[in-house]
Amino acid sequence: MDSSRIIPYDSSLHKREDARWDDFAGALASFLPMTALFLRRRWLGWIGLLSAIAAVLNSKEGRSSNQTPPWTTLLISVSSLFVVYLPLLLQPGALAGLSAGTATGAASPVPADA
């Protein structure tokens, strides 16, 4: 076997590819919750939450100080889901089932004296 044809493994190329993927995943995890807030699309919020969870689980200890910590991205994605689902909670009959028996009806109209 000719040893001149053997190419040694260089792990620095693999590390650069991981860094690019981490940057892309972090940008995606930040972009999707903000898009869900502006467009009021729930599915974007859920995908943003899943990508934020993946960013938290894949975070490395030796991060540079100029990058955003992944827990802030997770907090933004949870808050965007809360804001997107907030109109469902604030609809006029949505909370009526929680206070059953205490609701008062509308006031009856006062008859006009003729």
PDB file of N, CA and C in Angstrom:
ATOM      1  N   MET A   1       0.844  -1.171   0.000  1.00  0.00           N
ATOM      2  CA  MET A   1       0.000   0.000   0.000  1.00  0.00           C
ATOM      3  C   MET A   1       0.888   1.232   0.000  1.00  0.00           C
ATOM      4  N   ASP A   2       0.530   2.187  -0.818  1.00  0.00           N
ATOM      5  CA  ASP A   2       1.324   3.396  -0.972  1.00  0.00           C
ATOM      6  C   ASP A   2       0.873   4.434   0.060  1.00  0.00           C
ATOM      7  N   SER A   3       1.777   4.785   0.960  1.00  0.00           N
ATOM      8  CA  SER A   3       1.426   5.728   2.016  1.00  0.00           C
ATOM      9  C   SER A   3       1.361   7.171   1.525  1.00  0.00           C
ATOM     10  N   SER A   4       1.794   7.453   0.326  1.00  0.00           N
ATOM     11  CA  SER A   4       1.729   8.822  -0.194  1.00  0.00           C
ATOM     12  C   SER A   4       0.302   9.205  -0.610  1.00  0.00           C
ATOM     13  N   ARG A   5      -0.576   8.241  -0.745  1.00  0.00           N
ATOM     14  CA  ARG A   5      -1.959   8.521  -1.126  1.00  0.00           C
ATOM     15  C   ARG A   5      -2.880   8.703   0.078  1.00  0.00           C
ATOM     16  N   ILE A   6      -2.392   8.527   1.247  1.00  0.00           N
ATOM     17  CA  ILE A   6      -3.207   8.665   2.451  1.00  0.00           C
ATOM     18  C   ILE A   6      -3.283  10.138   2.836  1.00  0.00           C
ATOM     19  N   ILE A   7      -4.498  10.620   3.006  1.00  0.00           N
ATOM     20  CA  ILE A   7      -4.713  12.009   3.398  1.00  0.00           C
ATOM     21  C   ILE A   7      -5.069  12.024   4.880  1.00  0.00           C
ATOM     22  N   PRO A   8      -4.319  12.752   5.692  1.00  0.00           N
ATOM     23  CA  PRO A   8      -4.630  12.784   7.121  1.00  0.00           C
ATOM     24  C   PRO A   8      -5.929  13.556   7.394  1.00  0.00           C
ATOM     25  N   TYR A   9      -6.615  13.152   8.433  1.00  0.00           N
ATOM     26  CA  TYR A   9      -7.880  13.783   8.809  1.00  0.00           C
ATOM     27  C   TYR A   9      -7.614  15.126   9.464  1.00  0.00           C
ATOM     28  N   ASP A  10      -8.356  16.145   9.064  1.00  0.00           N
ATOM     29  CA  ASP A  10      -8.227  17.477   9.635  1.00  0.00           C
ATOM     30  C   ASP A  10      -9.561  17.841  10.281  1.00  0.00           C
ATOM     31  N   SER A  11      -9.597  17.895  11.602  1.00  0.00           N
ATOM     32  CA  SER A  11     -10.853  18.151  12.304  1.00  0.00           C
ATOM     33  C   SER A  11     -11.237  19.620  12.301  1.00  0.00           C
ATOM     34  N   SER A  12     -10.341  20.523  11.915  1.00  0.00           N
ATOM     35  CA  SER A  12     -10.683  21.944  11.910  1.00  0.00           C
ATOM     36  C   SER A  12     -11.747  22.256  10.867  1.00  0.00           C
ATOM     37  N   LEU A  13     -11.789  21.515   9.772  1.00  0.00           N
ATOM     38  CA  LEU A  13     -12.835  21.726   8.770  1.00  0.00           C
ATOM     39  C   LEU A  13     -14.203  21.366   9.324  1.00  0.00           C
ATOM     40  N   HIS A  14     -14.267  20.303  10.096  1.00  0.00           N
ATOM     41  CA  HIS A  14     -15.531  19.874  10.702  1.00  0.00           C
ATOM     42  C   HIS A  14     -16.008  20.893  11.733  1.00  0.00           C
ATOM     43  N   LYS A  15     -15.094  21.471  12.488  1.00  0.00           N
ATOM     44  CA  LYS A  15     -15.477  22.464  13.494  1.00  0.00           C
ATOM     45  C   LYS A  15     -16.025  23.723  12.840  1.00  0.00           C
ATOM     46  N   ARG A  16     -15.462  24.122  11.700  1.00  0.00           N
ATOM     47  CA  ARG A  16     -15.984  25.300  11.009  1.00  0.00           C
ATOM     48  C   ARG A  16     -17.390  25.055  10.483  1.00  0.00           C
ATOM     49  N   GLU A  17     -17.668  23.856  10.017  1.00  0.00           N
ATOM     50  CA  GLU A  17     -19.010  23.534   9.544  1.00  0.00           C
ATOM     51  C   GLU A  17     -20.008  23.547  10.701  1.00  0.00           C
ATOM     52  N   ASP A  18     -19.599  23.046  11.874  1.00  0.00           N
ATOM     53  CA  ASP A  18     -20.473  23.077  13.044  1.00  0.00           C
ATOM     54  C   ASP A  18     -20.769  24.507  13.461  1.00  0.00           C
ATOM     55  N   ALA A  19     -19.770  25.380  13.393  1.00  0.00           N
ATOM     56  CA  ALA A  19     -19.967  26.772  13.776  1.00  0.00           C
ATOM     57  C   ALA A  19     -20.951  27.454  12.832  1.00  0.00           C
ATOM     58  N   ARG A  20     -20.862  27.149  11.556  1.00  0.00           N
ATOM     59  CA  ARG A  20     -21.813  27.729  10.604  1.00  0.00           C
ATOM     60  C   ARG A  20     -23.224  27.238  10.875  1.00  0.00           C
ATOM     61  N   TRP A  21     -23.365  25.957  11.166  1.00  0.00           N
ATOM     62  CA  TRP A  21     -24.692  25.414  11.455  1.00  0.00           C
ATOM     63  C   TRP A  21     -25.244  25.996  12.743  1.00  0.00           C
ATOM     64  N   ASP A  22     -24.422  26.181  13.757  1.00  0.00           N
ATOM     65  CA  ASP A  22     -24.887  26.783  15.008  1.00  0.00           C
ATOM     66  C   ASP A  22     -25.347  28.216  14.789  1.00  0.00           C
ATOM     67  N   ASP A  23     -24.628  28.962  13.950  1.00  0.00           N
ATOM     68  CA  ASP A  23     -25.042  30.328  13.651  1.00  0.00           C
ATOM     69  C   ASP A  23     -26.376  30.348  12.916  1.00  0.00           C
ATOM     70  N   PHE A  24     -26.547  29.448  11.965  1.00  0.00           N
ATOM     71  CA  PHE A  24     -27.797  29.389  11.215  1.00  0.00           C
ATOM     72  C   PHE A  24     -28.954  28.969  12.115  1.00  0.00           C
ATOM     73  N   ALA A  25     -28.744  27.968  12.945  1.00  0.00           N
ATOM     74  CA  ALA A  25     -29.809  27.495  13.834  1.00  0.00           C
ATOM     75  C   ALA A  25     -30.172  28.566  14.863  1.00  0.00           C
ATOM     76  N   GLY A  26     -29.183  29.288  15.361  1.00  0.00           N
ATOM     77  CA  GLY A  26     -29.467  30.367  16.303  1.00  0.00           C
ATOM     78  C   GLY A  26     -30.230  31.502  15.656  1.00  0.00           C
ATOM     79  N   ALA A  27     -29.879  31.842  14.426  1.00  0.00           N
ATOM     80  CA  ALA A  27     -30.614  32.890  13.716  1.00  0.00           C
ATOM     81  C   ALA A  27     -32.041  32.453  13.421  1.00  0.00           C
ATOM     82  N   LEU A  28     -32.215  31.201  13.059  1.00  0.00           N
ATOM     83  CA  LEU A  28     -33.553  30.677  12.801  1.00  0.00           C
ATOM     84  C   LEU A  28     -34.390  30.653  14.078  1.00  0.00           C
ATOM     85  N   ALA A  29     -33.769  30.285  15.186  1.00  0.00           N
ATOM     86  CA  ALA A  29     -34.485  30.235  16.460  1.00  0.00           C
ATOM     87  C   ALA A  29     -34.870  31.630  16.934  1.00  0.00           C
ATOM     88  N   SER A  30     -34.158  32.651  16.512  1.00  0.00           N
ATOM     89  CA  SER A  30     -34.524  34.025  16.861  1.00  0.00           C
ATOM     90  C   SER A  30     -35.517  34.621  15.876  1.00  0.00           C
ATOM     91  N   PHE A  31     -35.410  34.236  14.626  1.00  0.00           N
ATOM     92  CA  PHE A  31     -36.231  34.826  13.576  1.00  0.00           C
ATOM     93  C   PHE A  31     -37.670  34.312  13.602  1.00  0.00           C
ATOM     94  N   LEU A  32     -37.866  33.034  13.829  1.00  0.00           N
ATOM     95  CA  LEU A  32     -39.206  32.457  13.766  1.00  0.00           C
ATOM     96  C   LEU A  32     -40.161  32.983  14.836  1.00  0.00           C
ATOM     97  N   PRO A  33     -39.750  33.108  16.099  1.00  0.00           N
ATOM     98  CA  PRO A  33     -40.693  33.675  17.076  1.00  0.00           C
ATOM     99  C   PRO A  33     -41.077  35.121  16.774  1.00  0.00           C
ATOM    100  N   MET A  34     -40.127  35.901  16.280  1.00  0.00           N
ATOM    101  CA  MET A  34     -40.455  37.279  15.931  1.00  0.00           C
ATOM    102  C   MET A  34     -41.424  37.326  14.744  1.00  0.00           C
ATOM    103  N   THR A  35     -41.232  36.446  13.792  1.00  0.00           N
ATOM    104  CA  THR A  35     -42.150  36.370  12.654  1.00  0.00           C
ATOM    105  C   THR A  35     -43.538  35.934  13.114  1.00  0.00           C
ATOM    106  N   ALA A  36     -43.594  35.019  14.068  1.00  0.00           N
ATOM    107  CA  ALA A  36     -44.889  34.586  14.610  1.00  0.00           C
ATOM    108  C   ALA A  36     -45.598  35.744  15.310  1.00  0.00           C
ATOM    109  N   LEU A  37     -44.835  36.609  15.965  1.00  0.00           N
ATOM    110  CA  LEU A  37     -45.447  37.758  16.620  1.00  0.00           C
ATOM    111  C   LEU A  37     -46.042  38.732  15.609  1.00  0.00           C
ATOM    112  N   PHE A  38     -45.319  39.012  14.543  1.00  0.00           N
ATOM    113  CA  PHE A  38     -45.786  40.000  13.582  1.00  0.00           C
ATOM    114  C   PHE A  38     -46.899  39.472  12.689  1.00  0.00           C
ATOM    115  N   LEU A  39     -46.815  38.221  12.292  1.00  0.00           N
ATOM    116  CA  LEU A  39     -47.800  37.661  11.381  1.00  0.00           C
ATOM    117  C   LEU A  39     -48.958  36.960  12.078  1.00  0.00           C
ATOM    118  N   ARG A  40     -48.848  36.759  13.381  1.00  0.00           N
ATOM    119  CA  ARG A  40     -49.874  36.055  14.170  1.00  0.00           C
ATOM    120  C   ARG A  40     -50.134  34.655  13.635  1.00  0.00           C
ATOM    121  N   ARG A  41     -49.074  33.967  13.296  1.00  0.00           N
ATOM    122  CA  ARG A  41     -49.174  32.589  12.818  1.00  0.00           C
ATOM    123  C   ARG A  41     -48.680  31.662  13.912  1.00  0.00           C
ATOM    124  N   ARG A  42     -49.573  30.817  14.400  1.00  0.00           N
ATOM    125  CA  ARG A  42     -49.226  29.934  15.521  1.00  0.00           C
ATOM    126  C   ARG A  42     -48.195  28.890  15.135  1.00  0.00           C
ATOM    127  N   TRP A  43     -48.268  28.377  13.934  1.00  0.00           N
ATOM    128  CA  TRP A  43     -47.344  27.320  13.526  1.00  0.00           C
ATOM    129  C   TRP A  43     -45.912  27.838  13.474  1.00  0.00           C
ATOM    130  N   LEU A  44     -45.712  29.109  13.144  1.00  0.00           N
ATOM    131  CA  LEU A  44     -44.362  29.663  13.186  1.00  0.00           C
ATOM    132  C   LEU A  44     -43.845  29.729  14.622  1.00  0.00           C
ATOM    133  N   GLY A  45     -44.740  30.021  15.546  1.00  0.00           N
ATOM    134  CA  GLY A  45     -44.352  30.050  16.956  1.00  0.00           C
ATOM    135  C   GLY A  45     -43.932  28.690  17.475  1.00  0.00           C
ATOM    136  N   TRP A  46     -44.662  27.646  17.068  1.00  0.00           N
ATOM    137  CA  TRP A  46     -44.308  26.296  17.513  1.00  0.00           C
ATOM    138  C   TRP A  46     -42.989  25.829  16.913  1.00  0.00           C
ATOM    139  N   ILE A  47     -42.764  26.137  15.634  1.00  0.00           N
ATOM    140  CA  ILE A  47     -41.485  25.774  15.024  1.00  0.00           C
ATOM    141  C   ILE A  47     -40.355  26.558  15.668  1.00  0.00           C
ATOM    142  N   GLY A  48     -40.614  27.821  16.005  1.00  0.00           N
ATOM    143  CA  GLY A  48     -39.612  28.620  16.709  1.00  0.00           C
ATOM    144  C   GLY A  48     -39.289  28.055  18.084  1.00  0.00           C
ATOM    145  N   LEU A  49     -40.310  27.560  18.780  1.00  0.00           N
ATOM    146  CA  LEU A  49     -40.071  26.956  20.094  1.00  0.00           C
ATOM    147  C   LEU A  49     -39.232  25.685  19.964  1.00  0.00           C
ATOM    148  N   LEU A  50     -39.546  24.870  18.979  1.00  0.00           N
ATOM    149  CA  LEU A  50     -38.761  23.642  18.792  1.00  0.00           C
ATOM    150  C   LEU A  50     -37.315  23.954  18.416  1.00  0.00           C
ATOM    151  N   SER A  51     -37.107  24.953  17.574  1.00  0.00           N
ATOM    152  CA  SER A  51     -35.731  25.300  17.210  1.00  0.00           C
ATOM    153  C   SER A  51     -35.001  25.954  18.376  1.00  0.00           C
ATOM    154  N   ALA A  52     -35.705  26.674  19.237  1.00  0.00           N
ATOM    155  CA  ALA A  52     -35.066  27.245  20.427  1.00  0.00           C
ATOM    156  C   ALA A  52     -34.679  26.156  21.415  1.00  0.00           C
ATOM    157  N   ILE A  53     -35.528  25.145  21.560  1.00  0.00           N
ATOM    158  CA  ILE A  53     -35.179  24.017  22.437  1.00  0.00           C
ATOM    159  C   ILE A  53     -33.963  23.289  21.883  1.00  0.00           C
ATOM    160  N   ALA A  54     -33.923  23.117  20.576  1.00  0.00           N
ATOM    161  CA  ALA A  54     -32.742  22.483  19.967  1.00  0.00           C
ATOM    162  C   ALA A  54     -31.495  23.328  20.157  1.00  0.00           C
ATOM    163  N   ALA A  55     -31.633  24.644  20.096  1.00  0.00           N
ATOM    164  CA  ALA A  55     -30.481  25.519  20.311  1.00  0.00           C
ATOM    165  C   ALA A  55     -29.983  25.437  21.746  1.00  0.00           C
ATOM    166  N   VAL A  56     -30.905  25.316  22.696  1.00  0.00           N
ATOM    167  CA  VAL A  56     -30.501  25.186  24.103  1.00  0.00           C
ATOM    168  C   VAL A  56     -29.791  23.853  24.329  1.00  0.00           C
ATOM    169  N   LEU A  57     -30.343  22.791  23.755  1.00  0.00           N
ATOM    170  CA  LEU A  57     -29.741  21.469  23.953  1.00  0.00           C
ATOM    171  C   LEU A  57     -28.398  21.331  23.248  1.00  0.00           C
ATOM    172  N   ASN A  58     -28.194  22.054  22.151  1.00  0.00           N
ATOM    173  CA  ASN A  58     -26.948  21.963  21.404  1.00  0.00           C
ATOM    174  C   ASN A  58     -25.947  23.053  21.759  1.00  0.00           C
ATOM    175  N   SER A  59     -26.238  23.840  22.771  1.00  0.00           N
ATOM    176  CA  SER A  59     -25.327  24.928  23.121  1.00  0.00           C
ATOM    177  C   SER A  59     -24.035  24.370  23.706  1.00  0.00           C
ATOM    178  N   LYS A  60     -22.984  25.080  23.439  1.00  0.00           N
ATOM    179  CA  LYS A  60     -21.661  24.669  23.920  1.00  0.00           C
ATOM    180  C   LYS A  60     -21.223  25.591  25.044  1.00  0.00           C
ATOM    181  N   GLU A  61     -20.408  25.074  25.938  1.00  0.00           N
ATOM    182  CA  GLU A  61     -19.944  25.857  27.077  1.00  0.00           C
ATOM    183  C   GLU A  61     -18.970  26.957  26.660  1.00  0.00           C
ATOM    184  N   GLY A  62     -18.091  26.677  25.741  1.00  0.00           N
ATOM    185  CA  GLY A  62     -17.076  27.640  25.343  1.00  0.00           C
ATOM    186  C   GLY A  62     -17.569  28.594  24.285  1.00  0.00           C
ATOM    187  N   ARG A  63     -18.599  29.344  24.586  1.00  0.00           N
ATOM    188  CA  ARG A  63     -19.163  30.284  23.627  1.00  0.00           C
ATOM    189  C   ARG A  63     -18.448  31.620  23.732  1.00  0.00           C
ATOM    190  N   SER A  64     -18.434  32.344  22.634  1.00  0.00           N
ATOM    191  CA  SER A  64     -17.861  33.685  22.686  1.00  0.00           C
ATOM    192  C   SER A  64     -18.866  34.630  23.335  1.00  0.00           C
ATOM    193  N   SER A  65     -18.381  35.728  23.856  1.00  0.00           N
ATOM    194  CA  SER A  65     -19.236  36.625  24.625  1.00  0.00           C
ATOM    195  C   SER A  65     -20.160  37.464  23.744  1.00  0.00           C
ATOM    196  N   ASN A  66     -19.920  37.524  22.436  1.00  0.00           N
ATOM    197  CA  ASN A  66     -20.759  38.354  21.582  1.00  0.00           C
ATOM    198  C   ASN A  66     -21.998  37.622  21.073  1.00  0.00           C
ATOM    199  N   GLN A  67     -22.172  36.360  21.385  1.00  0.00           N
ATOM    200  CA  GLN A  67     -23.343  35.610  20.955  1.00  0.00           C
ATOM    201  C   GLN A  67     -24.428  35.659  22.030  1.00  0.00           C
ATOM    202  N   THR A  68     -25.661  35.625  21.567  1.00  0.00           N
ATOM    203  CA  THR A  68     -26.793  35.635  22.484  1.00  0.00           C
ATOM    204  C   THR A  68     -26.917  34.278  23.160  1.00  0.00           C
ATOM    205  N   PRO A  69     -27.115  34.236  24.467  1.00  0.00           N
ATOM    206  CA  PRO A  69     -27.299  32.941  25.138  1.00  0.00           C
ATOM    207  C   PRO A  69     -28.569  32.259  24.639  1.00  0.00           C
ATOM    208  N   PRO A  70     -28.556  30.950  24.541  1.00  0.00           N
ATOM    209  CA  PRO A  70     -29.730  30.259  23.978  1.00  0.00           C
ATOM    210  C   PRO A  70     -30.963  30.326  24.861  1.00  0.00           C
ATOM    211  N   TRP A  71     -30.818  30.557  26.154  1.00  0.00           N
ATOM    212  CA  TRP A  71     -32.002  30.616  27.011  1.00  0.00           C
ATOM    213  C   TRP A  71     -32.819  31.866  26.717  1.00  0.00           C
ATOM    214  N   THR A  72     -32.209  32.940  26.229  1.00  0.00           N
ATOM    215  CA  THR A  72     -32.991  34.123  25.864  1.00  0.00           C
ATOM    216  C   THR A  72     -33.843  33.841  24.627  1.00  0.00           C
ATOM    217  N   THR A  73     -33.317  33.072  23.705  1.00  0.00           N
ATOM    218  CA  THR A  73     -34.090  32.687  22.529  1.00  0.00           C
ATOM    219  C   THR A  73     -35.269  31.820  22.942  1.00  0.00           C
ATOM    220  N   LEU A  74     -35.055  30.937  23.905  1.00  0.00           N
ATOM    221  CA  LEU A  74     -36.145  30.102  24.413  1.00  0.00           C
ATOM    222  C   LEU A  74     -37.208  30.961  25.090  1.00  0.00           C
ATOM    223  N   LEU A  75     -36.794  31.953  25.847  1.00  0.00           N
ATOM    224  CA  LEU A  75     -37.735  32.852  26.513  1.00  0.00           C
ATOM    225  C   LEU A  75     -38.533  33.670  25.492  1.00  0.00           C
ATOM    226  N   ILE A  76     -37.891  34.121  24.443  1.00  0.00           N
ATOM    227  CA  ILE A  76     -38.588  34.872  23.397  1.00  0.00           C
ATOM    228  C   ILE A  76     -39.602  33.987  22.681  1.00  0.00           C
ATOM    229  N   SER A  77     -39.244  32.745  22.422  1.00  0.00           N
ATOM    230  CA  SER A  77     -40.178  31.863  21.715  1.00  0.00           C
ATOM    231  C   SER A  77     -41.385  31.512  22.579  1.00  0.00           C
ATOM    232  N   VAL A  78     -41.183  31.319  23.877  1.00  0.00           N
ATOM    233  CA  VAL A  78     -42.318  31.035  24.763  1.00  0.00           C
ATOM    234  C   VAL A  78     -43.218  32.262  24.866  1.00  0.00           C
ATOM    235  N   SER A  79     -42.621  33.439  24.970  1.00  0.00           N
ATOM    236  CA  SER A  79     -43.441  34.652  25.054  1.00  0.00           C
ATOM    237  C   SER A  79     -44.175  34.927  23.747  1.00  0.00           C
ATOM    238  N   SER A  80     -43.580  34.586  22.614  1.00  0.00           N
ATOM    239  CA  SER A  80     -44.289  34.779  21.347  1.00  0.00           C
ATOM    240  C   SER A  80     -45.488  33.838  21.243  1.00  0.00           C
ATOM    241  N   LEU A  81     -45.348  32.609  21.726  1.00  0.00           N
ATOM    242  CA  LEU A  81     -46.501  31.710  21.735  1.00  0.00           C
ATOM    243  C   LEU A  81     -47.609  32.233  22.649  1.00  0.00           C
ATOM    244  N   PHE A  82     -47.222  32.800  23.781  1.00  0.00           N
ATOM    245  CA  PHE A  82     -48.211  33.373  24.698  1.00  0.00           C
ATOM    246  C   PHE A  82     -48.958  34.525  24.032  1.00  0.00           C
ATOM    247  N   VAL A  83     -48.232  35.388  23.352  1.00  0.00           N
ATOM    248  CA  VAL A  83     -48.858  36.540  22.696  1.00  0.00           C
ATOM    249  C   VAL A  83     -49.736  36.099  21.527  1.00  0.00           C
ATOM    250  N   VAL A  84     -49.321  35.085  20.811  1.00  0.00           N
ATOM    251  CA  VAL A  84     -50.122  34.620  19.674  1.00  0.00           C
ATOM    252  C   VAL A  84     -51.427  33.986  20.153  1.00  0.00           C
ATOM    253  N   TYR A  85     -51.389  33.274  21.272  1.00  0.00           N
ATOM    254  CA  TYR A  85     -52.597  32.629  21.789  1.00  0.00           C
ATOM    255  C   TYR A  85     -53.408  33.540  22.711  1.00  0.00           C
ATOM    256  N   LEU A  86     -52.917  34.718  23.028  1.00  0.00           N
ATOM    257  CA  LEU A  86     -53.617  35.629  23.933  1.00  0.00           C
ATOM    258  C   LEU A  86     -54.990  36.060  23.421  1.00  0.00           C
ATOM    259  N   PRO A  87     -55.196  36.338  22.125  1.00  0.00           N
ATOM    260  CA  PRO A  87     -56.551  36.704  21.687  1.00  0.00           C
ATOM    261  C   PRO A  87     -57.593  35.609  21.921  1.00  0.00           C
ATOM    262  N   LEU A  88     -57.182  34.363  21.949  1.00  0.00           N
ATOM    263  CA  LEU A  88     -58.155  33.298  22.245  1.00  0.00           C
ATOM    264  C   LEU A  88     -58.638  33.375  23.682  1.00  0.00           C
ATOM    265  N   LEU A  89     -57.762  33.807  24.578  1.00  0.00           N
ATOM    266  CA  LEU A  89     -58.154  33.925  25.981  1.00  0.00           C
ATOM    267  C   LEU A  89     -58.953  35.187  26.267  1.00  0.00           C
ATOM    268  N   LEU A  90     -58.765  36.208  25.462  1.00  0.00           N
ATOM    269  CA  LEU A  90     -59.418  37.483  25.724  1.00  0.00           C
ATOM    270  C   LEU A  90     -60.714  37.678  24.949  1.00  0.00           C
ATOM    271  N   GLN A  91     -61.209  36.666  24.293  1.00  0.00           N
ATOM    272  CA  GLN A  91     -62.485  36.786  23.588  1.00  0.00           C
ATOM    273  C   GLN A  91     -63.609  36.900  24.593  1.00  0.00           C
ATOM    274  N   PRO A  92     -64.690  37.589  24.233  1.00  0.00           N
ATOM    275  CA  PRO A  92     -65.750  37.817  25.198  1.00  0.00           C
ATOM    276  C   PRO A  92     -66.414  36.570  25.720  1.00  0.00           C
ATOM    277  N   GLY A  93     -66.412  35.473  25.371  1.00  0.00           N
ATOM    278  CA  GLY A  93     -67.069  34.337  26.009  1.00  0.00           C
ATOM    279  C   GLY A  93     -66.092  33.251  26.389  1.00  0.00           C
ATOM    280  N   ALA A  94     -64.794  33.504  26.223  1.00  0.00           N
ATOM    281  CA  ALA A  94     -63.810  32.453  26.440  1.00  0.00           C
ATOM    282  C   ALA A  94     -63.656  32.093  27.904  1.00  0.00           C
ATOM    283  N   LEU A  95     -63.783  33.068  28.787  1.00  0.00           N
ATOM    284  CA  LEU A  95     -63.591  32.800  30.208  1.00  0.00           C
ATOM    285  C   LEU A  95     -64.904  32.619  30.943  1.00  0.00           C
ATOM    286  N   ALA A  96     -66.024  32.580  30.248  1.00  0.00           N
ATOM    287  CA  ALA A  96     -67.329  32.444  30.905  1.00  0.00           C
ATOM    288  C   ALA A  96     -67.479  31.081  31.560  1.00  0.00           C
ATOM    289  N   GLY A  97     -66.895  30.047  31.007  1.00  0.00           N
ATOM    290  CA  GLY A  97     -67.002  28.715  31.584  1.00  0.00           C
ATOM    291  C   GLY A  97     -66.242  28.582  32.890  1.00  0.00           C
ATOM    292  N   LEU A  98     -65.249  29.439  33.116  1.00  0.00           N
ATOM    293  CA  LEU A  98     -64.476  29.368  34.357  1.00  0.00           C
ATOM    294  C   LEU A  98     -65.252  29.929  35.537  1.00  0.00           C
ATOM    295  N   SER A  99     -66.124  30.852  35.275  1.00  0.00           N
ATOM    296  CA  SER A  99     -66.870  31.463  36.381  1.00  0.00           C
ATOM    297  C   SER A  99     -68.353  31.101  36.274  1.00  0.00           C
ATOM    298  N   ALA A 100     -68.660  29.846  36.156  1.00  0.00           N
ATOM    299  CA  ALA A 100     -70.044  29.403  35.998  1.00  0.00           C
ATOM    300  C   ALA A 100     -70.830  29.689  37.270  1.00  0.00           C
ATOM    301  N   GLY A 101     -72.017  30.238  37.114  1.00  0.00           N
ATOM    302  CA  GLY A 101     -72.887  30.506  38.248  1.00  0.00           C
ATOM    303  C   GLY A 101     -72.722  31.907  38.806  1.00  0.00           C
ATOM    304  N   THR A 102     -71.676  32.614  38.453  1.00  0.00           N
ATOM    305  CA  THR A 102     -71.488  33.957  38.988  1.00  0.00           C
ATOM    306  C   THR A 102     -71.756  35.032  37.954  1.00  0.00           C
ATOM    307  N   ALA A 103     -72.031  34.628  36.735  1.00  0.00           N
ATOM    308  CA  ALA A 103     -72.247  35.613  35.679  1.00  0.00           C
ATOM    309  C   ALA A 103     -73.634  36.228  35.831  1.00  0.00           C
ATOM    310  N   THR A 104     -73.682  37.526  35.645  1.00  0.00           N
ATOM    311  CA  THR A 104     -74.968  38.215  35.678  1.00  0.00           C
ATOM    312  C   THR A 104     -75.368  38.532  34.265  1.00  0.00           C
ATOM    313  N   GLY A 105     -76.625  38.518  34.016  1.00  0.00           N
ATOM    314  CA  GLY A 105     -77.124  38.805  32.685  1.00  0.00           C
ATOM    315  C   GLY A 105     -77.120  40.296  32.404  1.00  0.00           C
ATOM    316  N   ALA A 106     -77.492  40.626  31.205  1.00  0.00           N
ATOM    317  CA  ALA A 106     -77.573  42.045  30.824  1.00  0.00           C
ATOM    318  C   ALA A 106     -78.746  42.682  31.554  1.00  0.00           C
ATOM    319  N   ALA A 107     -78.627  43.947  31.787  1.00  0.00           N
ATOM    320  CA  ALA A 107     -79.709  44.677  32.478  1.00  0.00           C
ATOM    321  C   ALA A 107     -80.927  44.743  31.574  1.00  0.00           C
ATOM    322  N   SER A 108     -82.091  44.562  32.173  1.00  0.00           N
ATOM    323  CA  SER A 108     -83.313  44.633  31.372  1.00  0.00           C
ATOM    324  C   SER A 108     -83.609  46.090  31.042  1.00  0.00           C
ATOM    325  N   PRO A 109     -84.119  46.335  29.860  1.00  0.00           N
ATOM    326  CA  PRO A 109     -84.385  47.729  29.472  1.00  0.00           C
ATOM    327  C   PRO A 109     -85.500  48.340  30.317  1.00  0.00           C
ATOM    328  N   VAL A 110     -85.355  49.568  30.593  1.00  0.00           N
ATOM    329  CA  VAL A 110     -86.351  50.295  31.388  1.00  0.00           C
ATOM    330  C   VAL A 110     -87.462  50.764  30.435  1.00  0.00           C
ATOM    331  N   PRO A 111     -88.716  50.426  30.748  1.00  0.00           N
ATOM    332  CA  PRO A 111     -89.779  50.860  29.839  1.00  0.00           C
ATOM    333  C   PRO A 111     -89.953  52.393  29.897  1.00  0.00           C
ATOM    334  N   ALA A 112     -90.182  52.926  28.761  1.00  0.00           N
ATOM    335  CA  ALA A 112     -90.364  54.370  28.684  1.00  0.00           C
ATOM    336  C   ALA A 112     -91.757  54.714  29.173  1.00  0.00           C
ATOM    337  N   ASP A 113     -91.859  55.713  30.033  1.00  0.00           N
ATOM    338  CA  ASP A 113     -93.171  56.159  30.551  1.00  0.00           C
ATOM    339  C   ASP A 113     -93.827  57.023  29.481  1.00  0.00           C
ATOM    340  N   ALA A 114     -95.063  56.700  29.208  1.00  0.00           N
ATOM    341  CA  ALA A 114     -95.774  57.475  28.209  1.00  0.00           C
ATOM    342  C   ALA A 114     -96.719  58.468  28.802  1.00  0.00           C
TER     343      ALA A 114
END
